[in-house]
């Protein structure tokens, strides 16, 4: 018991001293907000911000492609496409179900190939 009494007492003194130092610092300074949340975001916040940015960028690119495709289509075809997209169909599937002329098919294929090539380039440039 005597062997452990002195080290235990020293440990208790050190622990009380450290606790007392922390209390005196916080009592003497003005109240502060938690700066860790505002100035240094956690890695999960960084990941969620990066995902939100990627989703926004993806949505912008998808919207740009849709507008290019709609420029090739007639007004009736645009309405048919919008209806199918709102029902949850994918762009390529919806386009295959709309009666396109040979010229329209060629133009739409070129638009989609260009968009796909740009997507591959951007994915290669931004490693994850």
N, C-alpha and C. Protein backbone atom coordinates (compact mmCIF):
# COMPACT_ATOMS: atom_id res chain seq x y z
N UNK A 1 0.82 -1.19 0.00
CA UNK A 1 0.00 0.00 0.00
C UNK A 1 0.86 1.25 0.00
N UNK A 2 1.97 1.22 0.78
CA UNK A 2 2.85 2.37 0.86
C UNK A 2 3.52 2.62 -0.49
N UNK A 3 3.78 1.56 -1.25
CA UNK A 3 4.41 1.72 -2.56
C UNK A 3 3.53 2.55 -3.49
N UNK A 4 2.27 2.38 -3.40
CA UNK A 4 1.35 3.04 -4.31
C UNK A 4 0.83 4.38 -3.78
N UNK A 5 1.01 4.66 -2.53
CA UNK A 5 0.46 5.88 -1.93
C UNK A 5 1.13 7.13 -2.48
N UNK A 6 2.42 7.16 -2.57
CA UNK A 6 3.14 8.36 -3.04
C UNK A 6 2.88 8.60 -4.53
N UNK A 7 3.05 7.61 -5.38
CA UNK A 7 2.75 7.88 -6.80
C UNK A 7 1.29 8.26 -7.03
N UNK A 8 0.40 7.65 -6.27
CA UNK A 8 -1.00 7.96 -6.41
C UNK A 8 -1.28 9.40 -5.97
N UNK A 9 -0.64 9.83 -4.91
CA UNK A 9 -0.81 11.20 -4.43
C UNK A 9 -0.23 12.19 -5.44
N UNK A 10 0.92 11.87 -6.02
CA UNK A 10 1.52 12.75 -7.04
C UNK A 10 0.62 12.84 -8.27
N UNK A 11 0.09 11.72 -8.67
CA UNK A 11 -0.81 11.70 -9.82
C UNK A 11 -2.04 12.55 -9.56
N UNK A 12 -2.59 12.42 -8.36
CA UNK A 12 -3.76 13.21 -7.99
C UNK A 12 -3.44 14.70 -7.99
N UNK A 13 -2.28 15.08 -7.48
CA UNK A 13 -1.87 16.48 -7.47
C UNK A 13 -1.70 17.02 -8.88
N UNK A 14 -1.07 16.24 -9.72
CA UNK A 14 -0.88 16.67 -11.10
C UNK A 14 -2.23 16.81 -11.79
N UNK A 15 -3.10 15.86 -11.59
CA UNK A 15 -4.42 15.90 -12.20
C UNK A 15 -5.21 17.10 -11.72
N UNK A 16 -5.18 17.38 -10.44
CA UNK A 16 -5.88 18.54 -9.88
C UNK A 16 -5.25 19.83 -10.41
N UNK A 17 -3.92 19.84 -10.51
CA UNK A 17 -3.22 21.02 -11.02
C UNK A 17 -3.60 21.30 -12.46
N UNK A 18 -3.67 20.28 -13.27
CA UNK A 18 -4.04 20.46 -14.67
C UNK A 18 -5.48 20.93 -14.77
N UNK A 19 -6.35 20.33 -14.00
CA UNK A 19 -7.75 20.73 -14.02
C UNK A 19 -7.91 22.17 -13.55
N UNK A 20 -7.16 22.54 -12.50
CA UNK A 20 -7.23 23.90 -11.99
C UNK A 20 -6.71 24.90 -13.02
N UNK A 21 -5.66 24.53 -13.75
CA UNK A 21 -5.13 25.42 -14.80
C UNK A 21 -6.16 25.64 -15.89
N UNK A 22 -6.82 24.60 -16.28
CA UNK A 22 -7.83 24.74 -17.32
C UNK A 22 -9.00 25.60 -16.85
N UNK A 23 -9.39 25.47 -15.61
CA UNK A 23 -10.49 26.26 -15.09
C UNK A 23 -10.12 27.73 -15.00
N UNK A 24 -8.91 28.02 -14.58
CA UNK A 24 -8.51 29.41 -14.44
C UNK A 24 -8.41 30.09 -15.80
N UNK A 25 -7.96 29.34 -16.80
CA UNK A 25 -7.88 29.92 -18.15
C UNK A 25 -9.26 30.24 -18.69
N UNK A 26 -10.17 29.31 -18.53
CA UNK A 26 -11.50 29.53 -19.09
C UNK A 26 -12.27 30.57 -18.31
N UNK A 27 -12.00 30.71 -17.01
CA UNK A 27 -12.72 31.69 -16.21
C UNK A 27 -12.21 33.10 -16.48
N UNK A 28 -10.94 33.25 -16.79
CA UNK A 28 -10.37 34.59 -16.97
C UNK A 28 -10.61 35.15 -18.37
N UNK A 29 -10.90 34.32 -19.31
CA UNK A 29 -11.12 34.80 -20.67
C UNK A 29 -12.60 35.00 -20.92
N UNK A 30 -12.90 35.77 -21.94
CA UNK A 30 -14.30 36.02 -22.29
C UNK A 30 -14.90 34.76 -22.88
N UNK A 31 -16.19 34.59 -22.77
CA UNK A 31 -16.83 33.40 -23.36
C UNK A 31 -16.60 33.38 -24.86
N UNK A 32 -16.29 32.21 -25.36
CA UNK A 32 -16.01 32.06 -26.78
C UNK A 32 -16.94 31.01 -27.36
N UNK A 33 -17.21 31.16 -28.64
CA UNK A 33 -18.00 30.14 -29.32
C UNK A 33 -17.08 29.00 -29.69
N UNK A 34 -17.64 27.90 -30.02
CA UNK A 34 -16.85 26.74 -30.40
C UNK A 34 -16.24 26.99 -31.77
N UNK A 35 -14.96 27.30 -31.81
CA UNK A 35 -14.31 27.67 -33.06
C UNK A 35 -14.00 26.46 -33.92
N UNK A 36 -14.03 25.26 -33.37
CA UNK A 36 -13.71 24.09 -34.17
C UNK A 36 -14.76 23.83 -35.24
N UNK A 37 -16.01 24.20 -34.96
CA UNK A 37 -17.05 23.96 -35.96
C UNK A 37 -17.04 25.01 -37.05
N UNK A 38 -16.64 26.23 -36.74
CA UNK A 38 -16.72 27.28 -37.74
C UNK A 38 -15.45 27.40 -38.57
N UNK A 39 -14.28 27.23 -37.94
CA UNK A 39 -13.07 27.48 -38.70
C UNK A 39 -12.42 26.21 -39.23
N UNK A 40 -12.60 25.10 -38.59
CA UNK A 40 -11.97 23.87 -39.02
C UNK A 40 -13.02 22.79 -39.20
N UNK A 41 -13.59 22.65 -40.41
CA UNK A 41 -14.62 21.64 -40.62
C UNK A 41 -14.04 20.24 -40.52
N UNK A 42 -14.84 19.32 -40.07
CA UNK A 42 -14.40 17.95 -39.94
C UNK A 42 -14.34 17.30 -41.31
N UNK A 43 -13.71 16.15 -41.35
CA UNK A 43 -13.57 15.46 -42.63
C UNK A 43 -14.93 15.03 -43.18
N UNK A 44 -15.88 14.71 -42.31
CA UNK A 44 -17.21 14.32 -42.81
C UNK A 44 -17.91 15.53 -43.43
N UNK A 45 -17.69 16.73 -42.86
CA UNK A 45 -18.25 17.94 -43.46
C UNK A 45 -17.60 18.21 -44.80
N UNK A 46 -16.28 18.00 -44.90
CA UNK A 46 -15.59 18.18 -46.17
C UNK A 46 -16.14 17.23 -47.22
N UNK A 47 -16.34 15.97 -46.82
CA UNK A 47 -16.87 14.98 -47.76
C UNK A 47 -18.27 15.34 -48.22
N UNK A 48 -19.11 15.78 -47.30
CA UNK A 48 -20.48 16.12 -47.69
C UNK A 48 -20.49 17.36 -48.57
N UNK A 49 -19.61 18.31 -48.31
CA UNK A 49 -19.52 19.50 -49.16
C UNK A 49 -19.02 19.12 -50.54
N UNK A 50 -18.05 18.22 -50.61
CA UNK A 50 -17.52 17.78 -51.90
C UNK A 50 -18.60 17.04 -52.69
N UNK A 51 -19.36 16.19 -52.01
CA UNK A 51 -20.44 15.47 -52.68
C UNK A 51 -21.52 16.42 -53.17
N UNK A 52 -21.84 17.41 -52.37
CA UNK A 52 -22.85 18.39 -52.77
C UNK A 52 -22.37 19.16 -53.99
N UNK A 53 -21.09 19.52 -54.00
CA UNK A 53 -20.53 20.23 -55.15
C UNK A 53 -20.58 19.35 -56.39
N UNK A 54 -20.19 18.08 -56.25
CA UNK A 54 -20.22 17.16 -57.39
C UNK A 54 -21.64 16.98 -57.90
N UNK A 55 -22.58 16.87 -57.00
CA UNK A 55 -23.97 16.71 -57.41
C UNK A 55 -24.46 17.95 -58.15
N UNK A 56 -24.09 19.12 -57.66
CA UNK A 56 -24.48 20.36 -58.32
C UNK A 56 -23.85 20.45 -59.71
N UNK A 57 -22.57 20.12 -59.81
CA UNK A 57 -21.90 20.15 -61.11
C UNK A 57 -22.53 19.14 -62.07
N UNK A 58 -22.83 17.97 -61.57
CA UNK A 58 -23.45 16.93 -62.40
C UNK A 58 -24.81 17.40 -62.90
N UNK A 59 -25.57 18.04 -62.03
CA UNK A 59 -26.90 18.54 -62.41
C UNK A 59 -26.78 19.63 -63.48
N UNK A 60 -25.80 20.49 -63.33
CA UNK A 60 -25.59 21.54 -64.33
C UNK A 60 -25.23 20.95 -65.69
N UNK A 61 -24.34 19.96 -65.68
CA UNK A 61 -23.95 19.33 -66.96
C UNK A 61 -25.14 18.60 -67.58
N UNK A 62 -25.91 17.90 -66.76
CA UNK A 62 -27.08 17.18 -67.26
C UNK A 62 -28.09 18.15 -67.87
N UNK A 63 -28.28 19.29 -67.21
CA UNK A 63 -29.21 20.31 -67.71
C UNK A 63 -28.71 20.89 -69.03
N UNK A 64 -27.41 21.12 -69.15
CA UNK A 64 -26.84 21.65 -70.39
C UNK A 64 -27.03 20.67 -71.54
N UNK A 65 -26.81 19.39 -71.27
CA UNK A 65 -27.01 18.37 -72.31
C UNK A 65 -28.48 18.31 -72.71
N UNK A 66 -29.36 18.36 -71.73
CA UNK A 66 -30.80 18.31 -72.03
C UNK A 66 -31.21 19.48 -72.91
N UNK A 67 -30.69 20.67 -72.63
CA UNK A 67 -31.02 21.84 -73.45
C UNK A 67 -30.49 21.70 -74.87
N UNK A 68 -29.30 21.13 -75.02
CA UNK A 68 -28.75 20.91 -76.36
C UNK A 68 -29.63 19.92 -77.14
N UNK A 69 -30.05 18.88 -76.47
CA UNK A 69 -30.90 17.88 -77.12
C UNK A 69 -32.24 18.50 -77.49
N UNK A 70 -32.81 19.28 -76.59
CA UNK A 70 -34.10 19.91 -76.87
C UNK A 70 -34.03 20.87 -78.04
N UNK A 71 -32.87 21.46 -78.27
CA UNK A 71 -32.71 22.37 -79.41
C UNK A 71 -32.86 21.64 -80.74
N UNK A 72 -32.58 20.35 -80.74
CA UNK A 72 -32.68 19.53 -81.95
C UNK A 72 -34.11 19.05 -82.18
N UNK A 73 -34.87 18.92 -81.10
CA UNK A 73 -36.20 18.33 -81.17
C UNK A 73 -37.27 19.36 -81.54
N UNK A 74 -38.41 18.83 -82.03
CA UNK A 74 -39.57 19.69 -82.25
C UNK A 74 -40.25 19.94 -80.90
N UNK A 75 -41.21 20.87 -80.89
CA UNK A 75 -41.91 21.19 -79.65
C UNK A 75 -42.65 19.98 -79.08
N UNK A 76 -43.31 19.21 -79.96
CA UNK A 76 -44.01 18.01 -79.50
C UNK A 76 -43.04 16.99 -78.92
N UNK A 77 -41.89 16.82 -79.56
CA UNK A 77 -40.90 15.87 -79.07
C UNK A 77 -40.33 16.32 -77.71
N UNK A 78 -40.16 17.63 -77.55
CA UNK A 78 -39.66 18.16 -76.28
C UNK A 78 -40.65 17.85 -75.17
N UNK A 79 -41.94 18.02 -75.46
CA UNK A 79 -42.97 17.72 -74.45
C UNK A 79 -42.98 16.23 -74.11
N UNK A 80 -42.83 15.39 -75.13
CA UNK A 80 -42.79 13.94 -74.89
C UNK A 80 -41.57 13.58 -74.04
N UNK A 81 -40.42 14.18 -74.35
CA UNK A 81 -39.20 13.92 -73.60
C UNK A 81 -39.34 14.35 -72.14
N UNK A 82 -39.87 15.54 -71.93
CA UNK A 82 -40.05 16.04 -70.57
C UNK A 82 -40.98 15.14 -69.77
N UNK A 83 -42.04 14.68 -70.40
CA UNK A 83 -42.98 13.79 -69.72
C UNK A 83 -42.29 12.50 -69.31
N UNK A 84 -41.52 11.93 -70.20
CA UNK A 84 -40.83 10.67 -69.89
C UNK A 84 -39.77 10.87 -68.80
N UNK A 85 -39.06 11.98 -68.85
CA UNK A 85 -38.04 12.25 -67.83
C UNK A 85 -38.69 12.46 -66.47
N UNK A 86 -39.83 13.13 -66.45
CA UNK A 86 -40.54 13.34 -65.18
C UNK A 86 -41.07 12.04 -64.61
N UNK A 87 -41.34 11.08 -65.48
CA UNK A 87 -41.81 9.77 -65.03
C UNK A 87 -40.66 8.90 -64.53
N UNK A 88 -39.42 9.41 -64.66
CA UNK A 88 -38.27 8.70 -64.12
C UNK A 88 -37.44 7.94 -65.13
N UNK A 89 -37.78 8.07 -66.40
CA UNK A 89 -36.99 7.38 -67.41
C UNK A 89 -35.65 8.07 -67.59
N UNK A 90 -34.67 7.30 -67.99
CA UNK A 90 -33.35 7.85 -68.28
C UNK A 90 -33.40 8.54 -69.64
N UNK A 91 -32.48 9.49 -69.84
CA UNK A 91 -32.46 10.30 -71.06
C UNK A 91 -32.37 9.43 -72.31
N UNK A 92 -31.43 8.50 -72.33
CA UNK A 92 -31.25 7.68 -73.54
C UNK A 92 -32.48 6.83 -73.83
N UNK A 93 -33.06 6.27 -72.81
CA UNK A 93 -34.26 5.44 -73.00
C UNK A 93 -35.41 6.29 -73.53
N UNK A 94 -35.58 7.47 -72.94
CA UNK A 94 -36.66 8.36 -73.38
C UNK A 94 -36.46 8.78 -74.82
N UNK A 95 -35.22 9.06 -75.20
CA UNK A 95 -34.95 9.47 -76.59
C UNK A 95 -35.19 8.33 -77.57
N UNK A 96 -34.93 7.11 -77.15
CA UNK A 96 -35.14 5.98 -78.06
C UNK A 96 -36.63 5.73 -78.30
N UNK A 97 -37.48 6.18 -77.38
CA UNK A 97 -38.92 5.97 -77.52
C UNK A 97 -39.62 7.10 -78.28
N UNK A 98 -38.90 8.18 -78.52
CA UNK A 98 -39.47 9.30 -79.29
C UNK A 98 -39.12 9.06 -80.76
N UNK A 99 -40.06 9.34 -81.65
CA UNK A 99 -39.81 9.16 -83.08
C UNK A 99 -38.91 10.29 -83.58
N UNK A 100 -37.61 9.96 -83.76
CA UNK A 100 -36.65 10.94 -84.25
C UNK A 100 -36.35 10.67 -85.71
N UNK A 101 -36.09 11.74 -86.46
CA UNK A 101 -35.66 11.57 -87.84
C UNK A 101 -34.20 11.12 -87.82
N UNK A 102 -33.73 10.66 -88.95
CA UNK A 102 -32.33 10.21 -89.05
C UNK A 102 -31.38 11.35 -88.71
N UNK A 103 -31.71 12.56 -89.19
CA UNK A 103 -30.87 13.73 -88.92
C UNK A 103 -30.86 14.04 -87.41
N UNK A 104 -32.04 13.97 -86.78
CA UNK A 104 -32.13 14.23 -85.34
C UNK A 104 -31.33 13.18 -84.55
N UNK A 105 -31.46 11.91 -84.96
CA UNK A 105 -30.72 10.86 -84.26
C UNK A 105 -29.22 11.11 -84.30
N UNK A 106 -28.72 11.50 -85.49
CA UNK A 106 -27.30 11.77 -85.63
C UNK A 106 -26.86 12.92 -84.72
N UNK A 107 -27.66 14.00 -84.74
CA UNK A 107 -27.32 15.16 -83.91
C UNK A 107 -27.36 14.83 -82.42
N UNK A 108 -28.37 14.09 -81.99
CA UNK A 108 -28.50 13.73 -80.58
C UNK A 108 -27.34 12.81 -80.17
N UNK A 109 -27.00 11.86 -81.05
CA UNK A 109 -25.88 10.97 -80.74
C UNK A 109 -24.59 11.76 -80.59
N UNK A 110 -24.37 12.75 -81.45
CA UNK A 110 -23.18 13.58 -81.35
C UNK A 110 -23.15 14.36 -80.03
N UNK A 111 -24.30 14.89 -79.64
CA UNK A 111 -24.40 15.64 -78.38
C UNK A 111 -24.06 14.73 -77.21
N UNK A 112 -24.64 13.53 -77.18
CA UNK A 112 -24.40 12.61 -76.07
C UNK A 112 -22.97 12.09 -76.05
N UNK A 113 -22.40 11.84 -77.23
CA UNK A 113 -21.00 11.40 -77.28
C UNK A 113 -20.08 12.49 -76.76
N UNK A 114 -20.34 13.73 -77.14
CA UNK A 114 -19.53 14.85 -76.67
C UNK A 114 -19.66 15.00 -75.16
N UNK A 115 -20.87 14.91 -74.67
CA UNK A 115 -21.10 15.04 -73.23
C UNK A 115 -20.43 13.90 -72.47
N UNK A 116 -20.48 12.71 -73.02
CA UNK A 116 -19.87 11.56 -72.36
C UNK A 116 -18.35 11.70 -72.37
N UNK A 117 -17.79 12.16 -73.48
CA UNK A 117 -16.34 12.35 -73.56
C UNK A 117 -15.89 13.40 -72.56
N UNK A 118 -16.64 14.49 -72.42
CA UNK A 118 -16.30 15.53 -71.44
C UNK A 118 -16.38 14.99 -70.02
N UNK A 119 -17.35 14.14 -69.76
CA UNK A 119 -17.51 13.57 -68.42
C UNK A 119 -16.32 12.68 -68.08
N UNK A 120 -15.88 11.89 -69.05
CA UNK A 120 -14.73 11.02 -68.81
C UNK A 120 -13.48 11.85 -68.54
N UNK A 121 -13.29 12.93 -69.28
CA UNK A 121 -12.13 13.79 -69.07
C UNK A 121 -12.17 14.43 -67.69
N UNK A 122 -13.33 14.92 -67.27
CA UNK A 122 -13.43 15.57 -65.97
C UNK A 122 -13.24 14.57 -64.83
N UNK A 123 -13.70 13.33 -65.01
CA UNK A 123 -13.51 12.32 -63.97
C UNK A 123 -12.04 11.92 -63.88
N UNK A 124 -11.33 11.89 -65.00
CA UNK A 124 -9.91 11.57 -64.98
C UNK A 124 -9.10 12.68 -64.34
N UNK A 125 -9.53 13.93 -64.51
CA UNK A 125 -8.80 15.06 -63.97
C UNK A 125 -9.02 15.21 -62.47
N UNK A 126 -10.15 14.79 -61.95
CA UNK A 126 -10.43 14.94 -60.51
C UNK A 126 -10.40 13.59 -59.84
N UNK A 127 -9.21 13.16 -59.37
CA UNK A 127 -9.13 11.85 -58.71
C UNK A 127 -9.86 11.87 -57.37
N UNK A 128 -10.44 10.72 -57.03
CA UNK A 128 -11.20 10.64 -55.77
C UNK A 128 -10.50 9.76 -54.79
